[in-house]
Protein backbone atom coordinates (compact mmCIF):
# COMPACT_ATOMS: atom_id res chain seq x y z
CA MET A 1 0.00 0.00 -0.01
CA VAL A 2 1.41 3.37 -1.06
CA ASP A 3 1.02 6.27 1.35
CA LEU A 4 0.81 9.33 -0.92
CA ALA A 5 0.33 11.68 2.01
CA ASN A 6 3.75 10.78 3.43
CA PRO A 7 6.14 9.85 0.62
CA ILE A 8 9.38 8.11 1.50
CA ILE A 9 12.50 9.78 0.11
CA LEU A 10 15.32 7.33 -0.45
CA TYR A 11 18.84 8.70 -0.09
CA ASP A 12 22.44 7.47 0.05
CA GLY A 13 23.21 7.18 3.75
CA VAL A 14 26.98 7.55 3.30
CA CYS A 15 26.83 10.63 1.02
CA ALA A 16 27.53 13.84 2.92
CA LEU A 17 25.64 15.90 0.34
CA CYS A 18 22.62 13.60 0.56
CA ASN A 19 22.62 13.83 4.37
CA ARG A 20 22.75 17.63 4.18
CA ALA A 21 19.82 17.61 1.71
CA VAL A 22 17.79 15.37 4.11
CA ARG A 23 18.54 17.74 6.99
CA PHE A 24 17.45 20.70 4.80
CA VAL A 25 14.17 19.04 3.90
CA LEU A 26 13.54 18.05 7.53
CA LYS A 27 14.16 21.62 8.68
CA HIS A 28 11.68 23.00 6.11
CA ASP A 29 9.05 20.23 6.32
CA TYR A 30 6.67 22.12 8.59
CA HIS A 31 3.77 19.76 7.98
CA ASP A 32 5.78 16.61 8.78
CA ARG A 33 4.98 15.22 5.36
CA PHE A 34 8.15 13.44 4.23
CA ARG A 35 9.68 10.21 5.48
CA PHE A 36 13.23 9.17 4.80
CA ALA A 37 15.09 5.87 4.36
CA ALA A 38 18.75 5.37 3.55
CA LEU A 39 19.41 3.18 0.54
CA GLN A 40 21.38 0.87 2.83
CA THR A 41 18.30 -0.08 4.90
CA LEU A 42 16.11 -3.17 4.31
CA LEU A 43 13.16 -0.93 3.48
CA ALA A 44 15.03 0.61 0.56
CA VAL A 45 16.53 -2.70 -0.58
CA TYR A 46 13.08 -4.25 -0.92
CA SER A 47 11.46 -1.06 -2.30
CA VAL A 48 13.82 -0.35 -5.18
CA PRO A 49 13.47 -2.63 -8.17
CA ILE A 50 16.58 -4.51 -9.23
CA VAL A 51 17.88 -3.35 -12.55
CA SER A 52 20.49 -5.38 -14.38
CA ILE A 53 22.48 -3.90 -17.23
CA PHE A 54 24.42 -6.29 -19.40
CA ILE A 55 27.11 -4.81 -21.62
């Protein structure tokens, strides 16, 4: 079930720029709308489709 009222933003948990962006959004998310999950978590692993590229 997709919760459109509270979308989950996936981000790279080891990227300093990504962490700063998450902190920026959290600071300005006055309505507590967004949820976050690092790409290294199980939630993200099972949410992102696996894409294989064969060259």
